[in-house]
All heavy atoms as atom14 arrays in JSON, in Angstrom:
{
  "sequence": "AFMPFSAGRRVCAGENLAKMELFLFFTSLLQKFT",
  "atom14_mask": [
    [1, 1, 1, 1, 1, 0, 0, 0, 0, 0, 0, 0, 0, 0],
    [1, 1, 1, 1, 1, 1, 1, 1, 1, 1, 1, 0, 0, 0],
    [1, 1, 1, 1, 1, 1, 1, 1, 0, 0, 0, 0, 0, 0],
    [1, 1, 1, 1, 1, 1, 1, 0, 0, 0, 0, 0, 0, 0],
    [1, 1, 1, 1, 1, 1, 1, 1, 1, 1, 1, 0, 0, 0],
    [1, 1, 1, 1, 1, 1, 0, 0, 0, 0, 0, 0, 0, 0],
    [1, 1, 1, 1, 1, 0, 0, 0, 0, 0, 0, 0, 0, 0],
    [1, 1, 1, 1, 0, 0, 0, 0, 0, 0, 0, 0, 0, 0],
    [1, 1, 1, 1, 1, 1, 1, 1, 1, 1, 1, 0, 0, 0],
    [1, 1, 1, 1, 1, 1, 1, 1, 1, 1, 1, 0, 0, 0],
    [1, 1, 1, 1, 1, 1, 1, 0, 0, 0, 0, 0, 0, 0],
    [1, 1, 1, 1, 1, 1, 0, 0, 0, 0, 0, 0, 0, 0],
    [1, 1, 1, 1, 1, 0, 0, 0, 0, 0, 0, 0, 0, 0],
    [1, 1, 1, 1, 0, 0, 0, 0, 0, 0, 0, 0, 0, 0],
    [1, 1, 1, 1, 1, 1, 1, 1, 1, 0, 0, 0, 0, 0],
    [1, 1, 1, 1, 1, 1, 1, 1, 0, 0, 0, 0, 0, 0],
    [1, 1, 1, 1, 1, 1, 1, 1, 0, 0, 0, 0, 0, 0],
    [1, 1, 1, 1, 1, 0, 0, 0, 0, 0, 0, 0, 0, 0],
    [1, 1, 1, 1, 1, 1, 1, 1, 1, 0, 0, 0, 0, 0],
    [1, 1, 1, 1, 1, 1, 1, 1, 0, 0, 0, 0, 0, 0],
    [1, 1, 1, 1, 1, 1, 1, 1, 1, 0, 0, 0, 0, 0],
    [1, 1, 1, 1, 1, 1, 1, 1, 0, 0, 0, 0, 0, 0],
    [1, 1, 1, 1, 1, 1, 1, 1, 1, 1, 1, 0, 0, 0],
    [1, 1, 1, 1, 1, 1, 1, 1, 0, 0, 0, 0, 0, 0],
    [1, 1, 1, 1, 1, 1, 1, 1, 1, 1, 1, 0, 0, 0],
    [1, 1, 1, 1, 1, 1, 1, 1, 1, 1, 1, 0, 0, 0],
    [1, 1, 1, 1, 1, 1, 1, 0, 0, 0, 0, 0, 0, 0],
    [1, 1, 1, 1, 1, 1, 0, 0, 0, 0, 0, 0, 0, 0],
    [1, 1, 1, 1, 1, 1, 1, 1, 0, 0, 0, 0, 0, 0],
    [1, 1, 1, 1, 1, 1, 1, 1, 0, 0, 0, 0, 0, 0],
    [1, 1, 1, 1, 1, 1, 1, 1, 1, 0, 0, 0, 0, 0],
    [1, 1, 1, 1, 1, 1, 1, 1, 1, 0, 0, 0, 0, 0],
    [1, 1, 1, 1, 1, 1, 1, 1, 1, 1, 1, 0, 0, 0],
    [1, 1, 1, 1, 1, 1, 1, 0, 0, 0, 0, 0, 0, 0]
  ],
  "atom14_positions": [
    [[-15.28, -8.88, 4.61], [-16.28, -9.56, 3.76], [-15.62, -10.64, 2.88], [-16.31, -11.33, 2.13], [-16.96, -8.54, 2.88], [0.0, 0.0, 0.0], [0.0, 0.0, 0.0], [0.0, 0.0, 0.0], [0.0, 0.0, 0.0], [0.0, 0.0, 0.0], [0.0, 0.0, 0.0], [0.0, 0.0, 0.0], [0.0, 0.0, 0.0], [0.0, 0.0, 0.0]],
    [[-14.32, -10.82, 3.0], [-13.64, -11.88, 2.26], [-13.71, -13.17, 3.1], [-12.96, -13.35, 4.01], [-12.19, -11.5, 2.0], [-11.39, -12.56, 1.26], [-11.56, -12.76, -0.1], [-10.48, -13.36, 1.95], [-10.86, -13.76, -0.76], [-9.77, -14.35, 1.3], [-9.94, -14.55, -0.08], [0.0, 0.0, 0.0], [0.0, 0.0, 0.0], [0.0, 0.0, 0.0]],
    [[-14.64, -14.05, 2.75], [-14.77, -15.29, 3.48], [-15.1, -16.47, 2.57], [-16.16, -17.12, 2.73], [-15.76, -15.15, 4.64], [-17.08, -14.52, 4.28], [-18.22, -14.54, 5.72], [-17.4, -13.42, 6.86], [0.0, 0.0, 0.0], [0.0, 0.0, 0.0], [0.0, 0.0, 0.0], [0.0, 0.0, 0.0], [0.0, 0.0, 0.0], [0.0, 0.0, 0.0]],
    [[-14.25, -16.75, 1.57], [-14.52, -17.89, 0.69], [-14.42, -19.25, 1.39], [-14.9, -20.25, 0.88], [-13.41, -17.77, -0.37], [-12.31, -17.05, 0.33], [-12.98, -16.09, 1.25], [0.0, 0.0, 0.0], [0.0, 0.0, 0.0], [0.0, 0.0, 0.0], [0.0, 0.0, 0.0], [0.0, 0.0, 0.0], [0.0, 0.0, 0.0], [0.0, 0.0, 0.0]],
    [[-13.79, -19.25, 2.62], [-13.65, -20.49, 3.36], [-14.73, -20.63, 4.44], [-14.64, -21.47, 5.31], [-12.28, -20.56, 4.02], [-11.15, -20.55, 3.05], [-10.43, -19.37, 2.82], [-10.8, -21.68, 2.33], [-9.36, -19.37, 1.9], [-9.76, -21.68, 1.44], [-9.02, -20.51, 1.22], [0.0, 0.0, 0.0], [0.0, 0.0, 0.0], [0.0, 0.0, 0.0]],
    [[-15.8, -19.79, 4.36], [-16.82, -19.73, 5.35], [-16.26, -19.09, 6.63], [-15.26, -18.39, 6.6], [-17.42, -21.11, 5.64], [-18.6, -21.01, 6.4], [0.0, 0.0, 0.0], [0.0, 0.0, 0.0], [0.0, 0.0, 0.0], [0.0, 0.0, 0.0], [0.0, 0.0, 0.0], [0.0, 0.0, 0.0], [0.0, 0.0, 0.0], [0.0, 0.0, 0.0]],
    [[-16.88, -19.34, 7.78], [-16.46, -18.7, 9.02], [-16.93, -19.52, 10.21], [-17.72, -20.45, 10.08], [-17.03, -17.27, 9.1], [0.0, 0.0, 0.0], [0.0, 0.0, 0.0], [0.0, 0.0, 0.0], [0.0, 0.0, 0.0], [0.0, 0.0, 0.0], [0.0, 0.0, 0.0], [0.0, 0.0, 0.0], [0.0, 0.0, 0.0], [0.0, 0.0, 0.0]],
    [[-16.43, -19.15, 11.38], [-16.9, -19.8, 12.6], [-16.23, -21.12, 12.89], [-15.19, -21.44, 12.33], [0.0, 0.0, 0.0], [0.0, 0.0, 0.0], [0.0, 0.0, 0.0], [0.0, 0.0, 0.0], [0.0, 0.0, 0.0], [0.0, 0.0, 0.0], [0.0, 0.0, 0.0], [0.0, 0.0, 0.0], [0.0, 0.0, 0.0], [0.0, 0.0, 0.0]],
    [[-16.83, -21.91, 13.78], [-16.22, -23.18, 14.2], [-16.12, -24.19, 13.07], [-15.29, -25.08, 13.12], [-17.07, -23.78, 15.33], [-17.03, -22.97, 16.62], [-17.96, -23.57, 17.66], [-17.54, -24.92, 18.04], [-18.3, -25.71, 18.77], [-19.49, -25.34, 19.19], [-17.87, -26.93, 19.09], [0.0, 0.0, 0.0], [0.0, 0.0, 0.0], [0.0, 0.0, 0.0]],
    [[-16.94, -24.04, 12.04], [-16.92, -24.98, 10.93], [-16.28, -24.38, 9.67], [-16.57, -24.78, 8.57], [-18.33, -25.44, 10.62], [-18.95, -26.28, 11.72], [-18.2, -27.6, 11.91], [-18.6, -28.26, 13.14], [-18.11, -29.43, 13.55], [-17.17, -30.02, 12.86], [-18.52, -29.98, 14.66], [0.0, 0.0, 0.0], [0.0, 0.0, 0.0], [0.0, 0.0, 0.0]],
    [[-15.39, -23.42, 9.89], [-14.63, -22.86, 8.74], [-13.84, -24.0, 8.1], [-13.49, -25.0, 8.73], [-13.68, -21.74, 9.26], [-12.59, -22.3, 10.15], [-13.1, -20.95, 8.1], [0.0, 0.0, 0.0], [0.0, 0.0, 0.0], [0.0, 0.0, 0.0], [0.0, 0.0, 0.0], [0.0, 0.0, 0.0], [0.0, 0.0, 0.0], [0.0, 0.0, 0.0]],
    [[-13.56, -23.89, 6.82], [-12.83, -24.92, 6.07], [-11.57, -25.35, 6.79], [-10.7, -24.54, 7.12], [-12.48, -24.39, 4.69], [-11.44, -25.51, 3.72], [0.0, 0.0, 0.0], [0.0, 0.0, 0.0], [0.0, 0.0, 0.0], [0.0, 0.0, 0.0], [0.0, 0.0, 0.0], [0.0, 0.0, 0.0], [0.0, 0.0, 0.0], [0.0, 0.0, 0.0]],
    [[-11.45, -26.65, 7.03], [-10.32, -27.19, 7.79], [-9.03, -27.01, 7.02], [-7.94, -26.98, 7.63], [-10.54, -28.67, 8.1], [0.0, 0.0, 0.0], [0.0, 0.0, 0.0], [0.0, 0.0, 0.0], [0.0, 0.0, 0.0], [0.0, 0.0, 0.0], [0.0, 0.0, 0.0], [0.0, 0.0, 0.0], [0.0, 0.0, 0.0], [0.0, 0.0, 0.0]],
    [[-9.08, -26.94, 5.69], [-7.86, -26.85, 4.9], [-7.54, -25.42, 4.43], [-6.81, -25.26, 3.46], [0.0, 0.0, 0.0], [0.0, 0.0, 0.0], [0.0, 0.0, 0.0], [0.0, 0.0, 0.0], [0.0, 0.0, 0.0], [0.0, 0.0, 0.0], [0.0, 0.0, 0.0], [0.0, 0.0, 0.0], [0.0, 0.0, 0.0], [0.0, 0.0, 0.0]],
    [[-8.07, -24.41, 5.13], [-7.88, -23.03, 4.68], [-6.41, -22.67, 4.5], [-6.02, -22.12, 3.47], [-8.54, -22.07, 5.66], [-8.36, -20.59, 5.29], [-9.08, -19.66, 6.25], [-9.79, -20.11, 7.14], [-8.88, -18.42, 6.08], [0.0, 0.0, 0.0], [0.0, 0.0, 0.0], [0.0, 0.0, 0.0], [0.0, 0.0, 0.0], [0.0, 0.0, 0.0]],
    [[-5.58, -22.96, 5.5], [-4.17, -22.57, 5.42], [-3.47, -23.29, 4.28], [-2.62, -22.72, 3.57], [-3.46, -22.87, 6.73], [-3.89, -21.93, 7.85], [-4.36, -20.81, 7.6], [-3.8, -22.37, 9.08], [0.0, 0.0, 0.0], [0.0, 0.0, 0.0], [0.0, 0.0, 0.0], [0.0, 0.0, 0.0], [0.0, 0.0, 0.0], [0.0, 0.0, 0.0]],
    [[-3.81, -24.58, 4.07], [-3.2, -25.33, 2.98], [-3.62, -24.74, 1.65], [-2.78, -24.57, 0.74], [-3.62, -26.79, 3.09], [-3.12, -27.72, 1.96], [-1.61, -27.79, 1.94], [-3.71, -29.13, 2.14], [0.0, 0.0, 0.0], [0.0, 0.0, 0.0], [0.0, 0.0, 0.0], [0.0, 0.0, 0.0], [0.0, 0.0, 0.0], [0.0, 0.0, 0.0]],
    [[-4.89, -24.43, 1.48], [-5.4, -23.89, 0.21], [-4.75, -22.54, -0.09], [-4.35, -22.28, -1.25], [-6.92, -23.74, 0.28], [0.0, 0.0, 0.0], [0.0, 0.0, 0.0], [0.0, 0.0, 0.0], [0.0, 0.0, 0.0], [0.0, 0.0, 0.0], [0.0, 0.0, 0.0], [0.0, 0.0, 0.0], [0.0, 0.0, 0.0], [0.0, 0.0, 0.0]],
    [[-4.6, -21.68, 0.89], [-3.97, -20.37, 0.66], [-2.52, -20.54, 0.19], [-2.06, -19.83, -0.71], [-3.99, -19.55, 1.96], [-5.35, -18.97, 2.33], [-5.27, -18.22, 3.64], [-6.57, -17.58, 4.0], [-6.52, -16.89, 5.34], [0.0, 0.0, 0.0], [0.0, 0.0, 0.0], [0.0, 0.0, 0.0], [0.0, 0.0, 0.0], [0.0, 0.0, 0.0]],
    [[-1.82, -21.46, 0.83], [-0.42, -21.71, 0.44], [-0.35, -22.23, -0.99], [0.48, -21.79, -1.79], [0.23, -22.73, 1.42], [1.68, -22.97, 1.21], [2.36, -24.2, 2.36], [2.48, -23.24, 3.86], [0.0, 0.0, 0.0], [0.0, 0.0, 0.0], [0.0, 0.0, 0.0], [0.0, 0.0, 0.0], [0.0, 0.0, 0.0], [0.0, 0.0, 0.0]],
    [[-1.21, -23.21, -1.32], [-1.21, -23.78, -2.67], [-1.51, -22.73, -3.71], [-0.83, -22.63, -4.73], [-2.23, -24.89, -2.75], [-1.86, -26.17, -2.04], [-2.9, -27.26, -2.29], [-2.97, -27.77, -3.42], [-3.66, -27.6, -1.34], [0.0, 0.0, 0.0], [0.0, 0.0, 0.0], [0.0, 0.0, 0.0], [0.0, 0.0, 0.0], [0.0, 0.0, 0.0]],
    [[-2.55, -21.92, -3.5], [-2.96, -20.93, -4.47], [-1.83, -19.94, -4.78], [-1.53, -19.64, -5.93], [-4.21, -20.19, -4.04], [-5.5, -20.99, -4.08], [-6.63, -20.2, -3.43], [-5.85, -21.34, -5.5], [0.0, 0.0, 0.0], [0.0, 0.0, 0.0], [0.0, 0.0, 0.0], [0.0, 0.0, 0.0], [0.0, 0.0, 0.0], [0.0, 0.0, 0.0]],
    [[-1.18, -19.43, -3.73], [-0.12, -18.46, -3.93], [1.06, -19.08, -4.64], [1.61, -18.51, -5.6], [0.34, -17.88, -2.57], [1.44, -16.86, -2.71], [1.17, -15.57, -3.12], [2.76, -17.22, -2.45], [2.21, -14.64, -3.3], [3.79, -16.31, -2.59], [3.53, -15.01, -3.0], [0.0, 0.0, 0.0], [0.0, 0.0, 0.0], [0.0, 0.0, 0.0]],
    [[1.49, -20.27, -4.22], [2.68, -20.89, -4.8], [2.45, -21.36, -6.24], [3.31, -21.16, -7.1], [3.15, -22.05, -3.91], [3.69, -21.66, -2.54], [4.01, -22.89, -1.71], [4.94, -20.77, -2.65], [0.0, 0.0, 0.0], [0.0, 0.0, 0.0], [0.0, 0.0, 0.0], [0.0, 0.0, 0.0], [0.0, 0.0, 0.0], [0.0, 0.0, 0.0]],
    [[1.32, -22.0, -6.5], [1.03, -22.44, -7.88], [0.89, -21.23, -8.8], [1.44, -21.22, -9.9], [-0.24, -23.29, -7.91], [-0.03, -24.74, -7.59], [-0.65, -25.32, -6.48], [0.78, -25.57, -8.38], [-0.46, -26.68, -6.18], [0.97, -26.9, -8.08], [0.36, -27.46, -6.97], [0.0, 0.0, 0.0], [0.0, 0.0, 0.0], [0.0, 0.0, 0.0]],
    [[0.14, -20.24, -8.36], [-0.14, -19.08, -9.2], [1.15, -18.32, -9.54], [1.4, -18.02, -10.71], [-1.12, -18.13, -8.5], [-1.49, -16.91, -9.28], [-2.27, -17.02, -10.43], [-1.06, -15.65, -8.88], [-2.62, -15.87, -11.14], [-1.41, -14.52, -9.59], [-2.18, -14.62, -10.74], [0.0, 0.0, 0.0], [0.0, 0.0, 0.0], [0.0, 0.0, 0.0]],
    [[1.98, -18.01, -8.54], [3.2, -17.26, -8.8], [4.19, -18.09, -9.61], [4.9, -17.54, -10.49], [3.85, -16.78, -7.49], [3.99, -17.89, -6.61], [3.02, -15.73, -6.81], [0.0, 0.0, 0.0], [0.0, 0.0, 0.0], [0.0, 0.0, 0.0], [0.0, 0.0, 0.0], [0.0, 0.0, 0.0], [0.0, 0.0, 0.0], [0.0, 0.0, 0.0]],
    [[4.25, -19.41, -9.37], [5.17, -20.26, -10.14], [4.78, -20.28, -11.61], [5.65, -20.24, -12.49], [5.17, -21.69, -9.55], [5.7, -21.71, -8.24], [0.0, 0.0, 0.0], [0.0, 0.0, 0.0], [0.0, 0.0, 0.0], [0.0, 0.0, 0.0], [0.0, 0.0, 0.0], [0.0, 0.0, 0.0], [0.0, 0.0, 0.0], [0.0, 0.0, 0.0]],
    [[3.46, -20.35, -11.87], [3.0, -20.39, -13.25], [3.27, -19.08, -13.99], [3.72, -19.08, -15.12], [1.49, -20.74, -13.3], [1.14, -22.19, -12.93], [-0.38, -22.35, -12.83], [1.7, -23.16, -13.94], [0.0, 0.0, 0.0], [0.0, 0.0, 0.0], [0.0, 0.0, 0.0], [0.0, 0.0, 0.0], [0.0, 0.0, 0.0], [0.0, 0.0, 0.0]],
    [[2.97, -17.96, -13.31], [3.17, -16.67, -13.98], [4.63, -16.26, -14.05], [5.0, -15.42, -14.87], [2.33, -15.59, -13.29], [0.97, -15.34, -14.0], [0.1, -16.56, -13.94], [0.28, -14.13, -13.43], [0.0, 0.0, 0.0], [0.0, 0.0, 0.0], [0.0, 0.0, 0.0], [0.0, 0.0, 0.0], [0.0, 0.0, 0.0], [0.0, 0.0, 0.0]],
    [[5.44, -16.84, -13.21], [6.88, -16.6, -13.29], [7.44, -17.25, -14.56], [8.34, -16.7, -15.2], [7.58, -17.22, -12.07], [9.08, -16.98, -11.98], [9.67, -17.71, -10.81], [9.47, -18.91, -10.65], [10.4, -17.0, -9.94], [0.0, 0.0, 0.0], [0.0, 0.0, 0.0], [0.0, 0.0, 0.0], [0.0, 0.0, 0.0], [0.0, 0.0, 0.0]],
    [[6.87, -18.38, -14.95], [7.4, -19.15, -16.09], [6.69, -18.82, -17.43], [7.31, -18.9, -18.48], [7.2, -20.66, -15.82], [8.21, -21.24, -14.83], [9.43, -21.72, -15.58], [10.35, -22.48, -14.63], [11.56, -22.95, -15.36], [0.0, 0.0, 0.0], [0.0, 0.0, 0.0], [0.0, 0.0, 0.0], [0.0, 0.0, 0.0], [0.0, 0.0, 0.0]],
    [[5.38, -18.51, -17.35], [4.59, -18.43, -18.57], [3.77, -17.15, -18.64], [3.43, -16.55, -17.64], [3.6, -19.59, -18.67], [4.24, -20.96, -18.58], [4.15, -21.7, -17.4], [4.91, -21.51, -19.64], [4.71, -22.94, -17.29], [5.48, -22.78, -19.55], [5.38, -23.49, -18.39], [0.0, 0.0, 0.0], [0.0, 0.0, 0.0], [0.0, 0.0, 0.0]],
    [[3.46, -16.78, -19.89], [2.4, -15.82, -20.16], [1.26, -16.61, -20.8], [1.49, -17.36, -21.78], [2.86, -14.71, -21.12], [3.91, -13.96, -20.48], [1.71, -13.76, -21.48], [0.0, 0.0, 0.0], [0.0, 0.0, 0.0], [0.0, 0.0, 0.0], [0.0, 0.0, 0.0], [0.0, 0.0, 0.0], [0.0, 0.0, 0.0], [0.0, 0.0, 0.0]]
  ]
}
């Protein structure tokens, strides 16, 4: 049921890029700051 990028043939073209960005930005920020 986790489908924020939609599904099927028209699923978000940038899904892999967005996942990478979210993980790297989020962990980098919380590594440095509270």
